[in-house]
Protein backbone atom coordinates (compact mmCIF):
# COMPACT_ATOMS: atom_id res chain seq x y z
CA MET A 1 129.17 -35.67 -39.20
CA HIS A 2 130.36 -39.36 -39.00
CA HIS A 3 132.85 -38.53 -36.15
CA PHE A 4 130.25 -36.45 -34.22
CA ASN A 5 127.82 -39.44 -34.52
CA LEU A 6 130.61 -41.79 -33.13
CA VAL A 7 131.32 -39.52 -30.23
CA ALA A 8 127.55 -39.02 -29.44
CA GLY A 9 127.20 -42.72 -29.52
CA HIS A 10 130.08 -43.15 -27.12
CA LEU A 11 128.71 -40.50 -24.91
CA SER A 12 125.31 -42.11 -24.81
CA ALA A 13 126.77 -45.53 -23.96
CA SER A 14 129.01 -44.04 -21.27
CA LEU A 15 126.32 -42.30 -19.61
CA THR A 16 124.04 -45.29 -19.73
CA ALA A 17 126.65 -47.58 -18.28
CA ALA A 18 127.26 -44.93 -15.55
CA GLY A 19 123.52 -45.35 -14.64
CA VAL A 20 122.23 -42.01 -15.96
CA PRO A 21 118.51 -42.50 -16.71
CA ASP A 22 117.65 -42.67 -20.35
CA GLU A 23 115.51 -39.65 -20.34
CA ILE A 24 118.51 -37.57 -19.14
CA VAL A 25 120.77 -39.17 -21.62
CA GLN A 26 118.26 -38.18 -24.45
CA GLN A 27 118.13 -34.61 -23.07
CA ILE A 28 121.91 -34.40 -23.18
CA LEU A 29 122.08 -35.70 -26.79
CA ALA A 30 119.26 -33.30 -27.98
CA ALA A 31 121.24 -30.40 -26.26
CA ILE A 32 124.61 -31.22 -28.22
CA ALA A 33 122.96 -32.24 -31.53
CA PRO A 34 122.49 -28.56 -32.76
CA LEU A 35 126.18 -27.97 -32.01
CA SER A 36 127.33 -30.74 -34.21
CA ALA A 37 128.66 -28.45 -36.94
CA ASP A 38 130.58 -26.47 -34.35
CA ILE A 39 132.07 -29.74 -32.66
CA ALA A 40 133.00 -31.61 -35.96
CA THR A 41 133.45 -30.55 -39.47
CA ALA A 42 133.62 -32.27 -42.75
CA VAL A 43 137.15 -31.41 -43.19
CA ALA A 44 139.56 -33.91 -41.63
């Protein structure tokens, strides 16, 4: 989960830097959060 959180943080910062409104950034993060187990696993 640690790596997913790092990627989500980077995504959030990148979207914000690109001028995406905070409300949209939060919607995107909310959409990918349930997929965290499919995107990153505890096994490295």
